[in-house]
């Protein structure tokens, strides 16, 4: 059981004060995408579907998708967010093609 509170007891508290402006956390830590790359290190451009599949196979253990097709879709979503096209097409069009079974994904 803790000791009883005494209103007449004097407690000494030491505080350390450092001056200076605290920078925002976003200015200190660089932003990293799900692939572990800095966002500014990959300029928007064109990539192939085989490269997307290769990246998805490498990061499949880090993502929550049950099948490789889900991981490929997540990777395509990341490509879309940085403005990257896949085989000359918009990334979301490739996702729609996967959903409609127009594009076959590898099994694993």
PDB file of N, CA and C in Angstrom:
ATOM      1  N   UNK A   1       0.845  -1.172   0.000  1.00  0.00           N
ATOM      2  CA  UNK A   1       0.000   0.000   0.000  1.00  0.00           C
ATOM      3  C   UNK A   1       0.897   1.245   0.000  1.00  0.00           C
ATOM      4  N   UNK A   2       0.613   2.238  -0.865  1.00  0.00           N
ATOM      5  CA  UNK A   2       1.463   3.423  -0.936  1.00  0.00           C
ATOM      6  C   UNK A   2       1.317   4.285   0.317  1.00  0.00           C
ATOM      7  N   UNK A   3       2.345   5.072   0.594  1.00  0.00           N
ATOM      8  CA  UNK A   3       2.268   5.944   1.772  1.00  0.00           C
ATOM      9  C   UNK A   3       1.181   7.008   1.591  1.00  0.00           C
ATOM     10  N   UNK A   4       0.711   7.515   2.715  1.00  0.00           N
ATOM     11  CA  UNK A   4      -0.350   8.523   2.662  1.00  0.00           C
ATOM     12  C   UNK A   4       0.211   9.849   2.174  1.00  0.00           C
ATOM     13  N   UNK A   5      -0.652  10.613   1.529  1.00  0.00           N
ATOM     14  CA  UNK A   5      -0.275  11.907   1.004  1.00  0.00           C
ATOM     15  C   UNK A   5      -0.222  12.927   2.130  1.00  0.00           C
ATOM     16  N   UNK A   6       0.878  13.668   2.189  1.00  0.00           N
ATOM     17  CA  UNK A   6       1.028  14.711   3.195  1.00  0.00           C
ATOM     18  C   UNK A   6       1.082  16.057   2.497  1.00  0.00           C
ATOM     19  N   UNK A   7       0.103  16.947   2.709  1.00  0.00           N
ATOM     20  CA  UNK A   7       0.094  18.231   2.022  1.00  0.00           C
ATOM     21  C   UNK A   7       1.185  19.183   2.512  1.00  0.00           C
ATOM     22  N   UNK A   8       1.779  18.935   3.662  1.00  0.00           N
ATOM     23  CA  UNK A   8       2.793  19.824   4.210  1.00  0.00           C
ATOM     24  C   UNK A   8       4.215  19.411   3.821  1.00  0.00           C
ATOM     25  N   UNK A   9       4.379  18.255   3.227  1.00  0.00           N
ATOM     26  CA  UNK A   9       5.704  17.773   2.871  1.00  0.00           C
ATOM     27  C   UNK A   9       6.202  18.507   1.624  1.00  0.00           C
ATOM     28  N   UNK A  10       7.468  18.894   1.637  1.00  0.00           N
ATOM     29  CA  UNK A  10       8.054  19.622   0.514  1.00  0.00           C
ATOM     30  C   UNK A  10       8.778  18.634  -0.386  1.00  0.00           C
ATOM     31  N   UNK A  11       8.454  18.707  -1.664  1.00  0.00           N
ATOM     32  CA  UNK A  11       9.110  17.863  -2.669  1.00  0.00           C
ATOM     33  C   UNK A  11       9.966  18.764  -3.541  1.00  0.00           C
ATOM     34  N   UNK A  12      11.170  18.334  -3.857  1.00  0.00           N
ATOM     35  CA  UNK A  12      12.058  19.078  -4.739  1.00  0.00           C
ATOM     36  C   UNK A  12      12.081  18.373  -6.085  1.00  0.00           C
ATOM     37  N   UNK A  13      11.774  19.138  -7.134  1.00  0.00           N
ATOM     38  CA  UNK A  13      11.755  18.588  -8.479  1.00  0.00           C
ATOM     39  C   UNK A  13      12.791  19.350  -9.299  1.00  0.00           C
ATOM     40  N   UNK A  14      13.659  18.619  -9.979  1.00  0.00           N
ATOM     41  CA  UNK A  14      14.671  19.228 -10.839  1.00  0.00           C
ATOM     42  C   UNK A  14      14.217  19.091 -12.288  1.00  0.00           C
ATOM     43  N   UNK A  15      14.248  20.202 -13.018  1.00  0.00           N
ATOM     44  CA  UNK A  15      13.893  20.208 -14.420  1.00  0.00           C
ATOM     45  C   UNK A  15      15.097  20.650 -15.235  1.00  0.00           C
ATOM     46  N   UNK A  16      15.273  20.028 -16.360  1.00  0.00           N
ATOM     47  CA  UNK A  16      16.335  20.451 -17.264  1.00  0.00           C
ATOM     48  C   UNK A  16      15.674  21.080 -18.479  1.00  0.00           C
ATOM     49  N   UNK A  17      16.098  22.281 -18.814  1.00  0.00           N
ATOM     50  CA  UNK A  17      15.517  23.025 -19.908  1.00  0.00           C
ATOM     51  C   UNK A  17      16.580  23.261 -20.966  1.00  0.00           C
ATOM     52  N   UNK A  18      16.287  22.842 -22.167  1.00  0.00           N
ATOM     53  CA  UNK A  18      17.200  23.120 -23.275  1.00  0.00           C
ATOM     54  C   UNK A  18      16.483  24.039 -24.242  1.00  0.00           C
ATOM     55  N   UNK A  19      17.189  25.026 -24.711  1.00  0.00           N
ATOM     56  CA  UNK A  19      16.556  25.974 -25.621  1.00  0.00           C
ATOM     57  C   UNK A  19      16.834  25.579 -27.060  1.00  0.00           C
ATOM     58  N   UNK A  20      16.071  26.126 -27.935  1.00  0.00           N
ATOM     59  CA  UNK A  20      16.223  25.830 -29.351  1.00  0.00           C
ATOM     60  C   UNK A  20      14.893  25.415 -29.933  1.00  0.00           C
ATOM     61  N   UNK A  21      14.796  25.540 -31.225  1.00  0.00           N
ATOM     62  CA  UNK A  21      13.560  25.217 -31.900  1.00  0.00           C
ATOM     63  C   UNK A  21      13.554  23.743 -32.287  1.00  0.00           C
ATOM     64  N   UNK A  22      12.464  23.063 -31.992  1.00  0.00           N
ATOM     65  CA  UNK A  22      12.323  21.660 -32.329  1.00  0.00           C
ATOM     66  C   UNK A  22      11.775  21.569 -33.741  1.00  0.00           C
ATOM     67  N   UNK A  23      12.463  20.823 -34.587  1.00  0.00           N
ATOM     68  CA  UNK A  23      12.000  20.697 -35.967  1.00  0.00           C
ATOM     69  C   UNK A  23      10.898  19.649 -36.054  1.00  0.00           C
ATOM     70  N   UNK A  24      10.109  19.757 -37.089  1.00  0.00           N
ATOM     71  CA  UNK A  24       9.027  18.805 -37.307  1.00  0.00           C
ATOM     72  C   UNK A  24       9.602  17.442 -37.645  1.00  0.00           C
ATOM     73  N   UNK A  25       8.898  16.383 -37.281  1.00  0.00           N
ATOM     74  CA  UNK A  25       9.378  15.023 -37.524  1.00  0.00           C
ATOM     75  C   UNK A  25       9.482  14.730 -39.014  1.00  0.00           C
ATOM     76  N   UNK A  26       8.608  15.334 -39.809  1.00  0.00           N
ATOM     77  CA  UNK A  26       8.653  15.073 -41.246  1.00  0.00           C
ATOM     78  C   UNK A  26       9.883  15.688 -41.890  1.00  0.00           C
ATOM     79  N   UNK A  27      10.446  16.722 -41.265  1.00  0.00           N
ATOM     80  CA  UNK A  27      11.654  17.333 -41.809  1.00  0.00           C
ATOM     81  C   UNK A  27      12.893  16.520 -41.454  1.00  0.00           C
ATOM     82  N   UNK A  28      12.812  15.754 -40.384  1.00  0.00           N
ATOM     83  CA  UNK A  28      13.970  14.991 -39.921  1.00  0.00           C
ATOM     84  C   UNK A  28      14.035  13.621 -40.588  1.00  0.00           C
ATOM     85  N   UNK A  29      12.904  12.944 -40.690  1.00  0.00           N
ATOM     86  CA  UNK A  29      12.865  11.582 -41.207  1.00  0.00           C
ATOM     87  C   UNK A  29      12.436  11.610 -42.666  1.00  0.00           C
ATOM     88  N   UNK A  30      13.226  11.044 -43.582  1.00  0.00           N
ATOM     89  CA  UNK A  30      12.801  11.013 -44.976  1.00  0.00           C
ATOM     90  C   UNK A  30      11.644  10.046 -45.168  1.00  0.00           C
ATOM     91  N   UNK A  31      10.773  10.354 -46.107  1.00  0.00           N
ATOM     92  CA  UNK A  31       9.622   9.495 -46.362  1.00  0.00           C
ATOM     93  C   UNK A  31      10.059   8.297 -47.186  1.00  0.00           C
ATOM     94  N   UNK A  32       9.597   7.110 -46.782  1.00  0.00           N
ATOM     95  CA  UNK A  32       9.982   5.867 -47.442  1.00  0.00           C
ATOM     96  C   UNK A  32       8.721   5.164 -47.899  1.00  0.00           C
ATOM     97  N   UNK A  33       8.726   4.673 -49.126  1.00  0.00           N
ATOM     98  CA  UNK A  33       7.565   3.961 -49.643  1.00  0.00           C
ATOM     99  C   UNK A  33       7.589   2.509 -49.176  1.00  0.00           C
ATOM    100  N   UNK A  34       6.547   1.719 -49.438  1.00  0.00           N
ATOM    101  CA  UNK A  34       6.503   0.340 -48.957  1.00  0.00           C
ATOM    102  C   UNK A  34       7.617  -0.555 -49.472  1.00  0.00           C
ATOM    103  N   UNK A  35       8.268  -0.160 -50.549  1.00  0.00           N
ATOM    104  CA  UNK A  35       9.352  -0.974 -51.078  1.00  0.00           C
ATOM    105  C   UNK A  35      10.678  -0.678 -50.397  1.00  0.00           C
ATOM    106  N   UNK A  36      10.690   0.270 -49.457  1.00  0.00           N
ATOM    107  CA  UNK A  36      11.916   0.584 -48.732  1.00  0.00           C
ATOM    108  C   UNK A  36      12.813   1.556 -49.464  1.00  0.00           C
ATOM    109  N   UNK A  37      12.304   2.211 -50.494  1.00  0.00           N
ATOM    110  CA  UNK A  37      13.094   3.166 -51.257  1.00  0.00           C
ATOM    111  C   UNK A  37      12.625   4.572 -50.928  1.00  0.00           C
ATOM    112  N   UNK A  38      13.542   5.524 -50.983  1.00  0.00           N
ATOM    113  CA  UNK A  38      13.134   6.902 -50.800  1.00  0.00           C
ATOM    114  C   UNK A  38      12.226   7.295 -51.951  1.00  0.00           C
ATOM    115  N   UNK A  39      11.202   8.079 -51.655  1.00  0.00           N
ATOM    116  CA  UNK A  39      10.235   8.418 -52.689  1.00  0.00           C
ATOM    117  C   UNK A  39      10.866   9.246 -53.803  1.00  0.00           C
ATOM    118  N   UNK A  40      11.846  10.071 -53.474  1.00  0.00           N
ATOM    119  CA  UNK A  40      12.447  10.914 -54.489  1.00  0.00           C
ATOM    120  C   UNK A  40      13.473  10.166 -55.326  1.00  0.00           C
ATOM    121  N   UNK A  41      13.826   8.931 -54.933  1.00  0.00           N
ATOM    122  CA  UNK A  41      14.853   8.211 -55.673  1.00  0.00           C
ATOM    123  C   UNK A  41      14.308   7.507 -56.907  1.00  0.00           C
ATOM    124  N   UNK A  42      12.985   7.434 -57.053  1.00  0.00           N
ATOM    125  CA  UNK A  42      12.395   6.776 -58.223  1.00  0.00           C
ATOM    126  C   UNK A  42      11.572   7.785 -58.993  1.00  0.00           C
ATOM    127  N   UNK A  43      12.127   8.365 -60.055  1.00  0.00           N
ATOM    128  CA  UNK A  43      11.319   9.324 -60.818  1.00  0.00           C
ATOM    129  C   UNK A  43      10.222   8.598 -61.577  1.00  0.00           C
ATOM    130  N   UNK A  44       9.106   9.283 -61.809  1.00  0.00           N
ATOM    131  CA  UNK A  44       8.038   8.650 -62.557  1.00  0.00           C
ATOM    132  C   UNK A  44       8.529   8.280 -63.956  1.00  0.00           C
ATOM    133  N   UNK A  45       8.105   7.157 -64.426  1.00  0.00           N
ATOM    134  CA  UNK A  45       8.556   6.717 -65.731  1.00  0.00           C
ATOM    135  C   UNK A  45       7.768   5.511 -66.173  1.00  0.00           C
ATOM    136  N   UNK A  46       8.406   4.657 -66.932  1.00  0.00           N
ATOM    137  CA  UNK A  46       7.770   3.482 -67.479  1.00  0.00           C
ATOM    138  C   UNK A  46       8.506   2.246 -66.982  1.00  0.00           C
ATOM    139  N   UNK A  47       7.788   1.240 -66.595  1.00  0.00           N
ATOM    140  CA  UNK A  47       8.381  -0.018 -66.153  1.00  0.00           C
ATOM    141  C   UNK A  47       7.620  -1.159 -66.815  1.00  0.00           C
ATOM    142  N   UNK A  48       8.156  -2.344 -66.686  1.00  0.00           N
ATOM    143  CA  UNK A  48       7.492  -3.504 -67.290  1.00  0.00           C
ATOM    144  C   UNK A  48       6.714  -4.274 -66.228  1.00  0.00           C
ATOM    145  N   UNK A  49       5.762  -5.068 -66.696  1.00  0.00           N
ATOM    146  CA  UNK A  49       4.975  -5.883 -65.772  1.00  0.00           C
ATOM    147  C   UNK A  49       5.858  -6.932 -65.093  1.00  0.00           C
ATOM    148  N   UNK A  50       6.885  -7.419 -65.810  1.00  0.00           N
ATOM    149  CA  UNK A  50       7.804  -8.400 -65.214  1.00  0.00           C
ATOM    150  C   UNK A  50       8.572  -7.799 -64.041  1.00  0.00           C
ATOM    151  N   UNK A  51       8.951  -6.516 -64.154  1.00  0.00           N
ATOM    152  CA  UNK A  51       9.626  -5.855 -63.033  1.00  0.00           C
ATOM    153  C   UNK A  51       8.691  -5.709 -61.840  1.00  0.00           C
ATOM    154  N   UNK A  52       7.422  -5.406 -62.097  1.00  0.00           N
ATOM    155  CA  UNK A  52       6.430  -5.295 -61.017  1.00  0.00           C
ATOM    156  C   UNK A  52       6.263  -6.647 -60.322  1.00  0.00           C
ATOM    157  N   UNK A  53       6.197  -7.727 -61.102  1.00  0.00           N
ATOM    158  CA  UNK A  53       6.072  -9.073 -60.525  1.00  0.00           C
ATOM    159  C   UNK A  53       7.311  -9.402 -59.693  1.00  0.00           C
ATOM    160  N   UNK A  54       8.495  -9.046 -60.181  1.00  0.00           N
ATOM    161  CA  UNK A  54       9.734  -9.305 -59.454  1.00  0.00           C
ATOM    162  C   UNK A  54       9.746  -8.553 -58.120  1.00  0.00           C
ATOM    163  N   UNK A  55       9.343  -7.280 -58.134  1.00  0.00           N
ATOM    164  CA  UNK A  55       9.282  -6.494 -56.894  1.00  0.00           C
ATOM    165  C   UNK A  55       8.260  -7.105 -55.940  1.00  0.00           C
ATOM    166  N   UNK A  56       7.104  -7.513 -56.464  1.00  0.00           N
ATOM    167  CA  UNK A  56       6.054  -8.098 -55.623  1.00  0.00           C
ATOM    168  C   UNK A  56       6.527  -9.399 -54.981  1.00  0.00           C
ATOM    169  N   UNK A  57       7.298 -10.199 -55.701  1.00  0.00           N
ATOM    170  CA  UNK A  57       7.825 -11.433 -55.116  1.00  0.00           C
ATOM    171  C   UNK A  57       8.824 -11.130 -54.003  1.00  0.00           C
ATOM    172  N   UNK A  58       9.595 -10.062 -54.158  1.00  0.00           N
ATOM    173  CA  UNK A  58      10.587  -9.706 -53.147  1.00  0.00           C
ATOM    174  C   UNK A  58       9.949  -9.191 -51.863  1.00  0.00           C
ATOM    175  N   UNK A  59       8.835  -8.474 -51.967  1.00  0.00           N
ATOM    176  CA  UNK A  59       8.220  -7.872 -50.778  1.00  0.00           C
ATOM    177  C   UNK A  59       6.979  -8.623 -50.308  1.00  0.00           C
ATOM    178  N   UNK A  60       6.697  -9.782 -50.884  1.00  0.00           N
ATOM    179  CA  UNK A  60       5.463 -10.502 -50.541  1.00  0.00           C
ATOM    180  C   UNK A  60       5.413 -10.904 -49.067  1.00  0.00           C
ATOM    181  N   UNK A  61       6.560 -11.140 -48.454  1.00  0.00           N
ATOM    182  CA  UNK A  61       6.561 -11.536 -47.037  1.00  0.00           C
ATOM    183  C   UNK A  61       6.265 -10.354 -46.119  1.00  0.00           C
ATOM    184  N   UNK A  62       6.374  -9.122 -46.625  1.00  0.00           N
ATOM    185  CA  UNK A  62       6.134  -7.929 -45.805  1.00  0.00           C
ATOM    186  C   UNK A  62       4.693  -7.441 -45.897  1.00  0.00           C
ATOM    187  N   UNK A  63       3.969  -7.861 -46.917  1.00  0.00           N
ATOM    188  CA  UNK A  63       2.617  -7.357 -47.142  1.00  0.00           C
ATOM    189  C   UNK A  63       1.580  -8.385 -46.697  1.00  0.00           C
ATOM    190  N   UNK A  64       0.336  -7.960 -46.599  1.00  0.00           N
ATOM    191  CA  UNK A  64      -0.715  -8.793 -46.012  1.00  0.00           C
ATOM    192  C   UNK A  64      -1.557  -9.553 -47.029  1.00  0.00           C
ATOM    193  N   UNK A  65      -1.238  -9.460 -48.293  1.00  0.00           N
ATOM    194  CA  UNK A  65      -2.038 -10.137 -49.314  1.00  0.00           C
ATOM    195  C   UNK A  65      -1.873 -11.645 -49.207  1.00  0.00           C
ATOM    196  N   UNK A  66      -2.972 -12.370 -49.459  1.00  0.00           N
ATOM    197  CA  UNK A  66      -2.924 -13.841 -49.369  1.00  0.00           C
ATOM    198  C   UNK A  66      -2.243 -14.460 -50.577  1.00  0.00           C
ATOM    199  N   UNK A  67      -2.486 -13.869 -51.737  1.00  0.00           N
ATOM    200  CA  UNK A  67      -1.941 -14.410 -52.980  1.00  0.00           C
ATOM    201  C   UNK A  67      -0.995 -13.394 -53.605  1.00  0.00           C
ATOM    202  N   UNK A  68      -0.193 -13.878 -54.540  1.00  0.00           N
ATOM    203  CA  UNK A  68       0.760 -13.002 -55.208  1.00  0.00           C
ATOM    204  C   UNK A  68       0.039 -11.944 -56.039  1.00  0.00           C
ATOM    205  N   UNK A  69      -1.134 -12.263 -56.542  1.00  0.00           N
ATOM    206  CA  UNK A  69      -1.867 -11.272 -57.334  1.00  0.00           C
ATOM    207  C   UNK A  69      -2.235 -10.054 -56.481  1.00  0.00           C
ATOM    208  N   UNK A  70      -2.561 -10.281 -55.222  1.00  0.00           N
ATOM    209  CA  UNK A  70      -2.843  -9.165 -54.318  1.00  0.00           C
ATOM    210  C   UNK A  70      -1.613  -8.321 -54.061  1.00  0.00           C
ATOM    211  N   UNK A  71      -0.462  -8.976 -53.918  1.00  0.00           N
ATOM    212  CA  UNK A  71       0.790  -8.247 -53.725  1.00  0.00           C
ATOM    213  C   UNK A  71       1.143  -7.464 -54.983  1.00  0.00           C
ATOM    214  N   UNK A  72       0.883  -8.045 -56.158  1.00  0.00           N
ATOM    215  CA  UNK A  72       1.123  -7.334 -57.416  1.00  0.00           C
ATOM    216  C   UNK A  72       0.234  -6.099 -57.502  1.00  0.00           C
ATOM    217  N   UNK A  73      -1.022  -6.228 -57.069  1.00  0.00           N
ATOM    218  CA  UNK A  73      -1.928  -5.081 -57.083  1.00  0.00           C
ATOM    219  C   UNK A  73      -1.454  -3.988 -56.133  1.00  0.00           C
ATOM    220  N   UNK A  74      -0.958  -4.387 -54.951  1.00  0.00           N
ATOM    221  CA  UNK A  74      -0.426  -3.391 -54.020  1.00  0.00           C
ATOM    222  C   UNK A  74       0.785  -2.685 -54.611  1.00  0.00           C
ATOM    223  N   UNK A  75       1.650  -3.432 -55.284  1.00  0.00           N
ATOM    224  CA  UNK A  75       2.827  -2.846 -55.915  1.00  0.00           C
ATOM    225  C   UNK A  75       2.409  -1.918 -57.053  1.00  0.00           C
ATOM    226  N   UNK A  76       1.395  -2.310 -57.813  1.00  0.00           N
ATOM    227  CA  UNK A  76       0.887  -1.437 -58.869  1.00  0.00           C
ATOM    228  C   UNK A  76       0.269  -0.166 -58.291  1.00  0.00           C
ATOM    229  N   UNK A  77      -0.369  -0.274 -57.138  1.00  0.00           N
ATOM    230  CA  UNK A  77      -0.909   0.916 -56.477  1.00  0.00           C
ATOM    231  C   UNK A  77       0.195   1.874 -56.067  1.00  0.00           C
ATOM    232  N   UNK A  78       1.312   1.321 -55.587  1.00  0.00           N
ATOM    233  CA  UNK A  78       2.460   2.163 -55.243  1.00  0.00           C
ATOM    234  C   UNK A  78       3.025   2.822 -56.502  1.00  0.00           C
ATOM    235  N   UNK A  79       3.098   2.055 -57.594  1.00  0.00           N
ATOM    236  CA  UNK A  79       3.577   2.616 -58.861  1.00  0.00           C
ATOM    237  C   UNK A  79       2.651   3.731 -59.340  1.00  0.00           C
ATOM    238  N   UNK A  80       1.363   3.543 -59.130  1.00  0.00           N
ATOM    239  CA  UNK A  80       0.406   4.577 -59.527  1.00  0.00           C
ATOM    240  C   UNK A  80       0.604   5.839 -58.696  1.00  0.00           C
ATOM    241  N   UNK A  81       0.860   5.682 -57.405  1.00  0.00           N
ATOM    242  CA  UNK A  81       0.985   6.850 -56.533  1.00  0.00           C
ATOM    243  C   UNK A  81       2.225   7.677 -56.833  1.00  0.00           C
ATOM    244  N   UNK A  82       3.262   7.064 -57.406  1.00  0.00           N
ATOM    245  CA  UNK A  82       4.462   7.831 -57.769  1.00  0.00           C
ATOM    246  C   UNK A  82       4.448   8.227 -59.239  1.00  0.00           C
ATOM    247  N   UNK A  83       3.378   7.871 -59.966  1.00  0.00           N
ATOM    248  CA  UNK A  83       3.227   8.288 -61.344  1.00  0.00           C
ATOM    249  C   UNK A  83       3.941   7.410 -62.353  1.00  0.00           C
ATOM    250  N   UNK A  84       4.132   6.151 -62.039  1.00  0.00           N
ATOM    251  CA  UNK A  84       4.853   5.237 -62.918  1.00  0.00           C
ATOM    252  C   UNK A  84       3.852   4.468 -63.784  1.00  0.00           C
ATOM    253  N   UNK A  85       4.136   4.382 -65.069  1.00  0.00           N
ATOM    254  CA  UNK A  85       3.314   3.604 -65.989  1.00  0.00           C
ATOM    255  C   UNK A  85       3.885   2.200 -66.124  1.00  0.00           C
ATOM    256  N   UNK A  86       3.027   1.254 -66.468  1.00  0.00           N
ATOM    257  CA  UNK A  86       3.453  -0.138 -66.649  1.00  0.00           C
ATOM    258  C   UNK A  86       3.212  -0.519 -68.106  1.00  0.00           C
ATOM    259  N   UNK A  87       4.275  -0.816 -68.802  1.00  0.00           N
ATOM    260  CA  UNK A  87       4.219  -1.160 -70.233  1.00  0.00           C
ATOM    261  C   UNK A  87       3.451  -0.115 -71.035  1.00  0.00           C
ATOM    262  N   UNK A  88       3.636   1.161 -70.681  1.00  0.00           N
ATOM    263  CA  UNK A  88       2.989   2.245 -71.411  1.00  0.00           C
ATOM    264  C   UNK A  88       1.555   2.509 -71.012  1.00  0.00           C
ATOM    265  N   UNK A  89       0.991   1.710 -70.110  1.00  0.00           N
ATOM    266  CA  UNK A  89      -0.395   1.888 -69.666  1.00  0.00           C
ATOM    267  C   UNK A  89      -0.402   2.437 -68.245  1.00  0.00           C
ATOM    268  N   UNK A  90      -1.503   3.084 -67.891  1.00  0.00           N
ATOM    269  CA  UNK A  90      -1.668   3.569 -66.526  1.00  0.00           C
ATOM    270  C   UNK A  90      -1.742   2.376 -65.574  1.00  0.00           C
ATOM    271  N   UNK A  91      -1.160   2.512 -64.404  1.00  0.00           N
ATOM    272  CA  UNK A  91      -1.076   1.386 -63.458  1.00  0.00           C
ATOM    273  C   UNK A  91      -2.450   0.867 -63.059  1.00  0.00           C
ATOM    274  N   UNK A  92      -3.419   1.753 -62.904  1.00  0.00           N
ATOM    275  CA  UNK A  92      -4.746   1.296 -62.475  1.00  0.00           C
ATOM    276  C   UNK A  92      -5.443   0.506 -63.572  1.00  0.00           C
ATOM    277  N   UNK A  93      -5.120   0.795 -64.835  1.00  0.00           N
ATOM    278  CA  UNK A  93      -5.679  -0.007 -65.929  1.00  0.00           C
ATOM    279  C   UNK A  93      -5.174  -1.447 -65.860  1.00  0.00           C
ATOM    280  N   UNK A  94      -3.916  -1.621 -65.441  1.00  0.00           N
ATOM    281  CA  UNK A  94      -3.363  -2.977 -65.288  1.00  0.00           C
ATOM    282  C   UNK A  94      -4.054  -3.688 -64.126  1.00  0.00           C
ATOM    283  N   UNK A  95      -4.360  -2.963 -63.057  1.00  0.00           N
ATOM    284  CA  UNK A  95      -5.094  -3.550 -61.928  1.00  0.00           C
ATOM    285  C   UNK A  95      -6.481  -4.007 -62.395  1.00  0.00           C
ATOM    286  N   UNK A  96      -7.151  -3.176 -63.198  1.00  0.00           N
ATOM    287  CA  UNK A  96      -8.467  -3.564 -63.739  1.00  0.00           C
ATOM    288  C   UNK A  96      -8.352  -4.795 -64.625  1.00  0.00           C
ATOM    289  N   UNK A  97      -7.269  -4.882 -65.411  1.00  0.00           N
ATOM    290  CA  UNK A  97      -7.056  -6.055 -66.260  1.00  0.00           C
ATOM    291  C   UNK A  97      -6.832  -7.314 -65.422  1.00  0.00           C
ATOM    292  N   UNK A  98      -6.141  -7.185 -64.302  1.00  0.00           N
ATOM    293  CA  UNK A  98      -5.935  -8.338 -63.403  1.00  0.00           C
ATOM    294  C   UNK A  98      -7.271  -8.772 -62.808  1.00  0.00           C
ATOM    295  N   UNK A  99      -8.095  -7.795 -62.409  1.00  0.00           N
ATOM    296  CA  UNK A  99      -9.403  -8.130 -61.824  1.00  0.00           C
ATOM    297  C   UNK A  99     -10.323  -8.805 -62.831  1.00  0.00           C
ATOM    298  N   UNK A 100     -10.213  -8.424 -64.097  1.00  0.00           N
ATOM    299  CA  UNK A 100     -11.082  -9.017 -65.124  1.00  0.00           C
ATOM    300  C   UNK A 100     -10.452 -10.248 -65.782  1.00  0.00           C
ATOM    301  N   UNK A 101      -9.325 -10.698 -65.265  1.00  0.00           N
ATOM    302  CA  UNK A 101      -8.587 -11.880 -65.759  1.00  0.00           C
ATOM    303  C   UNK A 101      -8.051 -11.703 -67.173  1.00  0.00           C
ATOM    304  N   UNK A 102      -7.907 -10.463 -67.628  1.00  0.00           N
ATOM    305  CA  UNK A 102      -7.295 -10.214 -68.933  1.00  0.00           C
ATOM    306  C   UNK A 102      -5.785 -10.383 -68.869  1.00  0.00           C
ATOM    307  N   UNK A 103      -5.203 -10.172 -67.667  1.00  0.00           N
ATOM    308  CA  UNK A 103      -3.775 -10.346 -67.438  1.00  0.00           C
ATOM    309  C   UNK A 103      -3.608 -11.464 -66.431  1.00  0.00           C
ATOM    310  N   UNK A 104      -2.778 -12.430 -66.754  1.00  0.00           N
ATOM    311  CA  UNK A 104      -2.531 -13.570 -65.853  1.00  0.00           C
ATOM    312  C   UNK A 104      -1.382 -13.245 -64.920  1.00  0.00           C
ATOM    313  N   UNK A 105      -1.561 -13.531 -63.636  1.00  0.00           N
ATOM    314  CA  UNK A 105      -0.497 -13.343 -62.648  1.00  0.00           C
ATOM    315  C   UNK A 105       0.145 -14.690 -62.354  1.00  0.00           C
ATOM    316  N   UNK A 106       1.455 -14.702 -62.076  1.00  0.00           N
ATOM    317  CA  UNK A 106       2.103 -15.967 -61.708  1.00  0.00           C
ATOM    318  C   UNK A 106       1.505 -16.515 -60.399  1.00  0.00           C
ATOM    319  N   UNK A 107       1.619 -17.828 -60.234  1.00  0.00           N
ATOM    320  CA  UNK A 107       1.030 -18.459 -59.043  1.00  0.00           C
ATOM    321  C   UNK A 107       1.779 -18.090 -57.774  1.00  0.00           C
ATOM    322  N   UNK A 108       3.106 -18.040 -57.844  1.00  0.00           N
ATOM    323  CA  UNK A 108       3.856 -17.688 -56.620  1.00  0.00           C
ATOM    324  C   UNK A 108       5.157 -17.048 -56.970  1.00  0.00           C
TER     325      UNK A 108
END
